[in-house]
Amino acid sequence: MAPKNKTRDRIVEASLELFNAQGERSVTTNHIAAHLGMSPGNLYYHFRNKQAIVAELFAEYESRVDTFLRVPEGRALTVADKSFYLEALLAAMWHYRFLHRDLEHLLEIDAELAERYRAFAHRCLQGATEIYRGFVAADILAMNDQQIEALVLNSWIILTSWVRFLCTVRSSPGDLSEELMRRGVYQILALEGGYATEAARDAVQALLQRLHVPMDAVIG
């Protein structure tokens, strides 16, 4: 890899670290450059502004989610797949948590990013719909199309607003942890609980217990 690309990668990694810790609005390109011990001019050589760095990070996040939010080919879904999807969502949400924290602001100031995000959201909703249909076909969930549609939308709303919710109810919004993010994933699984089939109920209940985070920890 050329030195230019190494520097570019360092800028992206440092920006993600600072955005996650402090929120995107609180971090300037000067902060990022100082954090890396480089001149602002060197940073601008690689990225024309902060929005370009955010766009790069969103592309990473988008690619990561697109990779796993799909039905496996050639086999039926299992409860283990449910665990896989939830853990993968949790990891992606945690790694790029600043995107959810500052989402409306980021989309307001960058029309191109907003358009990409809308396309991404549509793909995610379609992917989630196909996954839920797969769980129905595998006799893990018992739902009709209307119930699937409602569950997909409710799950999306929880996932995309969970970080902001935590920031509003906690006395120290900067202390987000992977455990607190896990409760957001648990909330989605809890929505599905009433639709679990008799055959899958014990396995789904075990997954609920594994993902549960007490309410006191969430609003502390």
C-alpha atoms as a PDB file:
ATOM      1  CA  MET A   1       0.000   0.000   0.000  1.00  0.00           C
ATOM      2  CA  ALA A   2       1.358   3.425  -0.937  1.00  0.00           C
ATOM      3  CA  PRO A   3       2.242   5.925   1.816  1.00  0.00           C
ATOM      4  CA  LYS A   4      -0.591   8.185   0.588  1.00  0.00           C
ATOM      5  CA  ASN A   5      -3.118   5.438   1.239  1.00  0.00           C
ATOM      6  CA  LYS A   6      -1.631   4.707   4.644  1.00  0.00           C
ATOM      7  CA  THR A   7      -2.064   8.341   5.599  1.00  0.00           C
ATOM      8  CA  ARG A   8      -5.611   8.336   4.254  1.00  0.00           C
ATOM      9  CA  ASP A   9      -6.415   5.223   6.288  1.00  0.00           C
ATOM     10  CA  ARG A  10      -4.937   6.830   9.415  1.00  0.00           C
ATOM     11  CA  ILE A  11      -7.131   9.909   8.909  1.00  0.00           C
ATOM     12  CA  VAL A  12     -10.253   7.753   8.523  1.00  0.00           C
ATOM     13  CA  GLU A  13      -9.448   5.633  11.603  1.00  0.00           C
ATOM     14  CA  ALA A  14      -8.630   8.666  13.773  1.00  0.00           C
ATOM     15  CA  SER A  15     -11.780  10.473  12.629  1.00  0.00           C
ATOM     16  CA  LEU A  16     -13.932   7.476  13.528  1.00  0.00           C
ATOM     17  CA  GLU A  17     -12.322   7.310  16.968  1.00  0.00           C
ATOM     18  CA  LEU A  18     -12.871  11.032  17.633  1.00  0.00           C
ATOM     19  CA  PHE A  19     -16.391  11.128  16.169  1.00  0.00           C
ATOM     20  CA  ASN A  20     -17.428   8.148  18.306  1.00  0.00           C
ATOM     21  CA  ALA A  21     -15.931   9.614  21.474  1.00  0.00           C
ATOM     22  CA  GLN A  22     -17.040  13.236  21.114  1.00  0.00           C
ATOM     23  CA  GLY A  23     -19.770  13.347  18.460  1.00  0.00           C
ATOM     24  CA  GLU A  24     -19.148  14.474  14.895  1.00  0.00           C
ATOM     25  CA  ARG A  25     -20.262  18.060  15.517  1.00  0.00           C
ATOM     26  CA  SER A  26     -17.644  18.565  18.244  1.00  0.00           C
ATOM     27  CA  VAL A  27     -14.721  17.462  16.057  1.00  0.00           C
ATOM     28  CA  THR A  28     -13.107  19.678  13.406  1.00  0.00           C
ATOM     29  CA  THR A  29     -10.562  18.818  10.739  1.00  0.00           C
ATOM     30  CA  ASN A  30      -8.033  20.750  12.855  1.00  0.00           C
ATOM     31  CA  HIS A  31      -8.795  18.422  15.788  1.00  0.00           C
ATOM     32  CA  ILE A  32      -8.255  15.386  13.569  1.00  0.00           C
ATOM     33  CA  ALA A  33      -4.987  16.751  12.173  1.00  0.00           C
ATOM     34  CA  ALA A  34      -3.698  17.626  15.649  1.00  0.00           C
ATOM     35  CA  HIS A  35      -4.664  14.178  16.930  1.00  0.00           C
ATOM     36  CA  LEU A  36      -2.527  12.660  14.177  1.00  0.00           C
ATOM     37  CA  GLY A  37       0.333  15.139  14.558  1.00  0.00           C
ATOM     38  CA  MET A  38      -0.030  16.362  10.973  1.00  0.00           C
ATOM     39  CA  SER A  39      -0.700  19.738   9.398  1.00  0.00           C
ATOM     40  CA  PRO A  40      -4.247  20.631   8.330  1.00  0.00           C
ATOM     41  CA  GLY A  41      -2.862  21.035   4.804  1.00  0.00           C
ATOM     42  CA  ASN A  42      -1.721  17.421   4.788  1.00  0.00           C
ATOM     43  CA  LEU A  43      -5.190  16.304   5.834  1.00  0.00           C
ATOM     44  CA  TYR A  44      -6.826  18.436   3.119  1.00  0.00           C
ATOM     45  CA  TYR A  45      -4.571  16.787   0.554  1.00  0.00           C
ATOM     46  CA  HIS A  46      -6.455  13.556   1.221  1.00  0.00           C
ATOM     47  CA  PHE A  47      -9.929  14.883   2.130  1.00  0.00           C
ATOM     48  CA  ARG A  48     -11.290  18.223   0.957  1.00  0.00           C
ATOM     49  CA  ASN A  49     -13.415  18.635   4.117  1.00  0.00           C
ATOM     50  CA  LYS A  50     -14.953  16.812   7.063  1.00  0.00           C
ATOM     51  CA  GLN A  51     -18.001  15.763   5.033  1.00  0.00           C
ATOM     52  CA  ALA A  52     -15.716  13.771   2.727  1.00  0.00           C
ATOM     53  CA  ILE A  53     -14.372  11.863   5.738  1.00  0.00           C
ATOM     54  CA  VAL A  54     -17.913  11.185   6.983  1.00  0.00           C
ATOM     55  CA  ALA A  55     -18.858   9.942   3.495  1.00  0.00           C
ATOM     56  CA  GLU A  56     -15.914   7.537   3.546  1.00  0.00           C
ATOM     57  CA  LEU A  57     -16.957   6.196   6.962  1.00  0.00           C
ATOM     58  CA  PHE A  58     -20.559   5.809   5.840  1.00  0.00           C
ATOM     59  CA  ALA A  59     -19.354   3.843   2.797  1.00  0.00           C
ATOM     60  CA  GLU A  60     -17.524   1.474   5.173  1.00  0.00           C
ATOM     61  CA  TYR A  61     -20.623   1.072   7.344  1.00  0.00           C
ATOM     62  CA  GLU A  62     -22.892   0.601   4.314  1.00  0.00           C
ATOM     63  CA  SER A  63     -20.606  -2.065   2.844  1.00  0.00           C
ATOM     64  CA  ARG A  64     -20.404  -3.903   6.159  1.00  0.00           C
ATOM     65  CA  VAL A  65     -24.186  -4.074   6.619  1.00  0.00           C
ATOM     66  CA  ASP A  66     -24.808  -4.985   2.963  1.00  0.00           C
ATOM     67  CA  THR A  67     -22.448  -7.950   3.422  1.00  0.00           C
ATOM     68  CA  PHE A  68     -24.468  -9.686   6.151  1.00  0.00           C
ATOM     69  CA  LEU A  69     -28.073  -8.417   5.873  1.00  0.00           C
ATOM     70  CA  ARG A  70     -29.172 -11.080   3.386  1.00  0.00           C
ATOM     71  CA  VAL A  71     -30.713 -14.538   3.342  1.00  0.00           C
ATOM     72  CA  PRO A  72     -28.142 -17.364   3.028  1.00  0.00           C
ATOM     73  CA  GLU A  73     -28.282 -19.232  -0.250  1.00  0.00           C
ATOM     74  CA  GLY A  74     -29.161 -22.896  -0.523  1.00  0.00           C
ATOM     75  CA  ARG A  75     -30.391 -23.575   3.014  1.00  0.00           C
ATOM     76  CA  ALA A  76     -33.165 -22.723   5.465  1.00  0.00           C
ATOM     77  CA  LEU A  77     -32.658 -20.177   8.231  1.00  0.00           C
ATOM     78  CA  THR A  78     -32.081 -21.341  11.831  1.00  0.00           C
ATOM     79  CA  VAL A  79     -32.242 -19.723  15.272  1.00  0.00           C
ATOM     80  CA  ALA A  80     -28.434 -19.567  15.109  1.00  0.00           C
ATOM     81  CA  ASP A  81     -28.869 -17.225  12.129  1.00  0.00           C
ATOM     82  CA  LYS A  82     -31.021 -14.972  14.306  1.00  0.00           C
ATOM     83  CA  SER A  83     -28.137 -14.731  16.759  1.00  0.00           C
ATOM     84  CA  PHE A  84     -25.728 -14.029  13.879  1.00  0.00           C
ATOM     85  CA  TYR A  85     -27.835 -11.169  12.468  1.00  0.00           C
ATOM     86  CA  LEU A  86     -28.331  -9.548  15.868  1.00  0.00           C
ATOM     87  CA  GLU A  87     -24.659  -9.797  16.836  1.00  0.00           C
ATOM     88  CA  ALA A  88     -23.567  -8.470  13.429  1.00  0.00           C
ATOM     89  CA  LEU A  89     -25.950  -5.519  13.740  1.00  0.00           C
ATOM     90  CA  LEU A  90     -24.694  -4.853  17.258  1.00  0.00           C
ATOM     91  CA  ALA A  91     -21.056  -4.855  16.124  1.00  0.00           C
ATOM     92  CA  ALA A  92     -21.762  -2.532  13.181  1.00  0.00           C
ATOM     93  CA  MET A  93     -23.837  -0.136  15.301  1.00  0.00           C
ATOM     94  CA  TRP A  94     -21.133  -0.007  17.958  1.00  0.00           C
ATOM     95  CA  HIS A  95     -18.227   0.472  15.543  1.00  0.00           C
ATOM     96  CA  TYR A  96     -19.935   3.351  13.692  1.00  0.00           C
ATOM     97  CA  ARG A  97     -22.083   4.686  16.536  1.00  0.00           C
ATOM     98  CA  PHE A  98     -21.460   8.365  15.699  1.00  0.00           C
ATOM     99  CA  LEU A  99     -23.488   7.923  12.487  1.00  0.00           C
ATOM    100  CA  HIS A 100     -26.631   7.110  14.456  1.00  0.00           C
ATOM    101  CA  ARG A 101     -25.952   9.744  17.088  1.00  0.00           C
ATOM    102  CA  ASP A 102     -25.667  12.586  14.552  1.00  0.00           C
ATOM    103  CA  LEU A 103     -27.640  11.124  11.651  1.00  0.00           C
ATOM    104  CA  GLU A 104     -30.218  13.862  10.999  1.00  0.00           C
ATOM    105  CA  HIS A 105     -27.549  16.570  11.142  1.00  0.00           C
ATOM    106  CA  LEU A 106     -25.236  14.634   8.805  1.00  0.00           C
ATOM    107  CA  LEU A 107     -27.994  14.137   6.233  1.00  0.00           C
ATOM    108  CA  GLU A 108     -29.142  17.768   6.433  1.00  0.00           C
ATOM    109  CA  ILE A 109     -25.718  19.144   5.510  1.00  0.00           C
ATOM    110  CA  ASP A 110     -24.871  16.665   2.733  1.00  0.00           C
ATOM    111  CA  ALA A 111     -27.513  16.081   0.051  1.00  0.00           C
ATOM    112  CA  GLU A 112     -25.422  13.394  -1.667  1.00  0.00           C
ATOM    113  CA  LEU A 113     -25.028  11.458   1.582  1.00  0.00           C
ATOM    114  CA  ALA A 114     -28.769  11.815   2.246  1.00  0.00           C
ATOM    115  CA  GLU A 115     -29.550  10.281  -1.142  1.00  0.00           C
ATOM    116  CA  ARG A 116     -27.134   7.399  -0.532  1.00  0.00           C
ATOM    117  CA  TYR A 117     -28.608   6.851   2.926  1.00  0.00           C
ATOM    118  CA  ARG A 118     -32.154   6.625   1.548  1.00  0.00           C
ATOM    119  CA  ALA A 119     -31.051   3.971  -0.946  1.00  0.00           C
ATOM    120  CA  PHE A 120     -29.234   2.138   1.853  1.00  0.00           C
ATOM    121  CA  ALA A 121     -32.332   2.281   4.075  1.00  0.00           C
ATOM    122  CA  HIS A 122     -34.499   0.836   1.302  1.00  0.00           C
ATOM    123  CA  ARG A 123     -32.033  -2.033   0.778  1.00  0.00           C
ATOM    124  CA  CYS A 124     -31.928  -2.745   4.516  1.00  0.00           C
ATOM    125  CA  LEU A 125     -35.717  -2.769   4.814  1.00  0.00           C
ATOM    126  CA  GLN A 126     -35.998  -5.111   1.828  1.00  0.00           C
ATOM    127  CA  GLY A 127     -33.230  -7.353   3.174  1.00  0.00           C
ATOM    128  CA  ALA A 128     -34.852  -7.498   6.609  1.00  0.00           C
ATOM    129  CA  THR A 129     -38.215  -8.347   5.015  1.00  0.00           C
ATOM    130  CA  GLU A 130     -36.670 -11.277   3.136  1.00  0.00           C
ATOM    131  CA  ILE A 131     -34.914 -12.463   6.302  1.00  0.00           C
ATOM    132  CA  TYR A 132     -38.165 -12.429   8.305  1.00  0.00           C
ATOM    133  CA  ARG A 133     -39.893 -14.312   5.497  1.00  0.00           C
ATOM    134  CA  GLY A 134     -37.081 -16.831   5.729  1.00  0.00           C
ATOM    135  CA  PHE A 135     -37.683 -17.274   9.446  1.00  0.00           C
ATOM    136  CA  VAL A 136     -41.387 -17.831   8.734  1.00  0.00           C
ATOM    137  CA  ALA A 137     -40.578 -20.394   6.034  1.00  0.00           C
ATOM    138  CA  ALA A 138     -38.254 -22.175   8.495  1.00  0.00           C
ATOM    139  CA  ASP A 139     -41.062 -22.366  11.122  1.00  0.00           C
ATOM    140  CA  ILE A 140     -39.172 -20.144  13.575  1.00  0.00           C
ATOM    141  CA  LEU A 141     -41.611 -17.223  13.425  1.00  0.00           C
ATOM    142  CA  ALA A 142     -45.349 -17.362  12.670  1.00  0.00           C
ATOM    143  CA  MET A 143     -46.295 -14.076  10.948  1.00  0.00           C
ATOM    144  CA  ASN A 144     -48.229 -12.795   7.958  1.00  0.00           C
ATOM    145  CA  ASP A 145     -46.915 -10.186   5.490  1.00  0.00           C
ATOM    146  CA  GLN A 146     -48.582  -7.293   7.305  1.00  0.00           C
ATOM    147  CA  GLN A 147     -46.988  -8.312  10.611  1.00  0.00           C
ATOM    148  CA  ILE A 148     -43.602  -8.709   8.937  1.00  0.00           C
ATOM    149  CA  GLU A 149     -43.892  -5.221   7.456  1.00  0.00           C
ATOM    150  CA  ALA A 150     -44.691  -3.695  10.860  1.00  0.00           C
ATOM    151  CA  LEU A 151     -41.856  -5.593  12.554  1.00  0.00           C
ATOM    152  CA  VAL A 152     -39.343  -4.524   9.900  1.00  0.00           C
ATOM    153  CA  LEU A 153     -40.274  -0.846  10.333  1.00  0.00           C
ATOM    154  CA  ASN A 154     -40.295  -1.024  14.136  1.00  0.00           C
ATOM    155  CA  SER A 155     -36.910  -2.747  14.144  1.00  0.00           C
ATOM    156  CA  TRP A 156     -35.443  -0.098  11.836  1.00  0.00           C
ATOM    157  CA  ILE A 157     -36.773   2.716  14.038  1.00  0.00           C
ATOM    158  CA  ILE A 158     -35.235   1.148  17.141  1.00  0.00           C
ATOM    159  CA  LEU A 159     -31.872   0.497  15.507  1.00  0.00           C
ATOM    160  CA  THR A 160     -31.472   3.947  13.990  1.00  0.00           C
ATOM    161  CA  SER A 161     -32.659   5.896  17.043  1.00  0.00           C
ATOM    162  CA  TRP A 162     -31.166   3.815  19.862  1.00  0.00           C
ATOM    163  CA  VAL A 163     -27.922   5.799  20.249  1.00  0.00           C
ATOM    164  CA  ARG A 164     -29.805   9.103  20.405  1.00  0.00           C
ATOM    165  CA  PHE A 165     -32.213   7.602  22.927  1.00  0.00           C
ATOM    166  CA  LEU A 166     -29.311   6.600  25.170  1.00  0.00           C
ATOM    167  CA  CYS A 167     -27.829  10.093  24.900  1.00  0.00           C
ATOM    168  CA  THR A 168     -31.126  11.638  26.059  1.00  0.00           C
ATOM    169  CA  VAL A 169     -31.739   9.419  29.103  1.00  0.00           C
ATOM    170  CA  ARG A 170     -28.209   9.068  30.479  1.00  0.00           C
ATOM    171  CA  SER A 171     -26.554  11.643  32.724  1.00  0.00           C
ATOM    172  CA  SER A 172     -23.283  11.185  30.835  1.00  0.00           C
ATOM    173  CA  PRO A 173     -24.029  10.609  27.137  1.00  0.00           C
ATOM    174  CA  GLY A 174     -20.359  10.044  26.361  1.00  0.00           C
ATOM    175  CA  ASP A 175     -20.192   6.788  28.325  1.00  0.00           C
ATOM    176  CA  LEU A 176     -21.891   4.599  25.731  1.00  0.00           C
ATOM    177  CA  SER A 177     -20.790   0.983  25.877  1.00  0.00           C
ATOM    178  CA  GLU A 178     -21.300  -2.149  23.828  1.00  0.00           C
ATOM    179  CA  GLU A 179     -23.460  -3.482  26.654  1.00  0.00           C
ATOM    180  CA  LEU A 180     -25.843  -0.527  26.302  1.00  0.00           C
ATOM    181  CA  MET A 181     -25.949  -1.048  22.545  1.00  0.00           C
ATOM    182  CA  ARG A 182     -26.804  -4.710  23.137  1.00  0.00           C
ATOM    183  CA  ARG A 183     -30.029  -3.661  24.846  1.00  0.00           C
ATOM    184  CA  GLY A 184     -31.103  -2.018  21.581  1.00  0.00           C
ATOM    185  CA  VAL A 185     -30.640  -5.322  19.780  1.00  0.00           C
ATOM    186  CA  TYR A 186     -32.521  -7.049  22.623  1.00  0.00           C
ATOM    187  CA  GLN A 187     -35.448  -4.670  22.040  1.00  0.00           C
ATOM    188  CA  ILE A 188     -35.770  -5.974  18.470  1.00  0.00           C
ATOM    189  CA  LEU A 189     -35.706  -9.587  19.592  1.00  0.00           C
ATOM    190  CA  ALA A 190     -38.321  -8.763  22.260  1.00  0.00           C
ATOM    191  CA  LEU A 191     -40.637  -7.462  19.516  1.00  0.00           C
ATOM    192  CA  GLU A 192     -40.338 -10.832  17.775  1.00  0.00           C
ATOM    193  CA  GLY A 193     -40.950 -12.917  20.893  1.00  0.00           C
ATOM    194  CA  GLY A 194     -44.702 -13.139  20.521  1.00  0.00           C
ATOM    195  CA  TYR A 195     -44.335 -14.554  17.031  1.00  0.00           C
ATOM    196  CA  ALA A 196     -41.921 -17.387  17.935  1.00  0.00           C
ATOM    197  CA  THR A 197     -43.301 -20.808  17.036  1.00  0.00           C
ATOM    198  CA  GLU A 198     -43.609 -23.556  19.624  1.00  0.00           C
ATOM    199  CA  ALA A 199     -40.683 -25.385  18.028  1.00  0.00           C
ATOM    200  CA  ALA A 200     -38.373 -22.354  18.312  1.00  0.00           C
ATOM    201  CA  ARG A 201     -39.612 -20.790  21.571  1.00  0.00           C
ATOM    202  CA  ASP A 202     -36.983 -22.263  23.914  1.00  0.00           C
ATOM    203  CA  ALA A 203     -34.102 -21.292  21.641  1.00  0.00           C
ATOM    204  CA  VAL A 204     -35.443 -17.759  21.162  1.00  0.00           C
ATOM    205  CA  GLN A 205     -35.950 -17.419  24.937  1.00  0.00           C
ATOM    206  CA  ALA A 206     -32.342 -18.475  25.538  1.00  0.00           C
ATOM    207  CA  LEU A 207     -31.185 -15.816  23.084  1.00  0.00           C
ATOM    208  CA  LEU A 208     -33.297 -13.201  24.859  1.00  0.00           C
ATOM    209  CA  GLN A 209     -31.653 -14.092  28.169  1.00  0.00           C
ATOM    210  CA  ARG A 210     -28.194 -13.837  26.636  1.00  0.00           C
ATOM    211  CA  LEU A 211     -28.812 -10.394  25.167  1.00  0.00           C
ATOM    212  CA  HIS A 212     -30.712  -8.898  28.102  1.00  0.00           C
ATOM    213  CA  VAL A 213     -29.305  -5.785  29.798  1.00  0.00           C
ATOM    214  CA  PRO A 214     -31.167  -4.495  32.902  1.00  0.00           C
ATOM    215  CA  MET A 215     -33.171  -1.279  32.556  1.00  0.00           C
ATOM    216  CA  ASP A 216     -31.238   0.295  35.454  1.00  0.00           C
ATOM    217  CA  ALA A 217     -28.045  -0.016  33.434  1.00  0.00           C
ATOM    218  CA  VAL A 218     -29.666   1.651  30.419  1.00  0.00           C
ATOM    219  CA  ILE A 219     -30.972   4.784  32.120  1.00  0.00           C
ATOM    220  CA  GLY A 220     -28.256   5.130  34.773  1.00  0.00           C
END
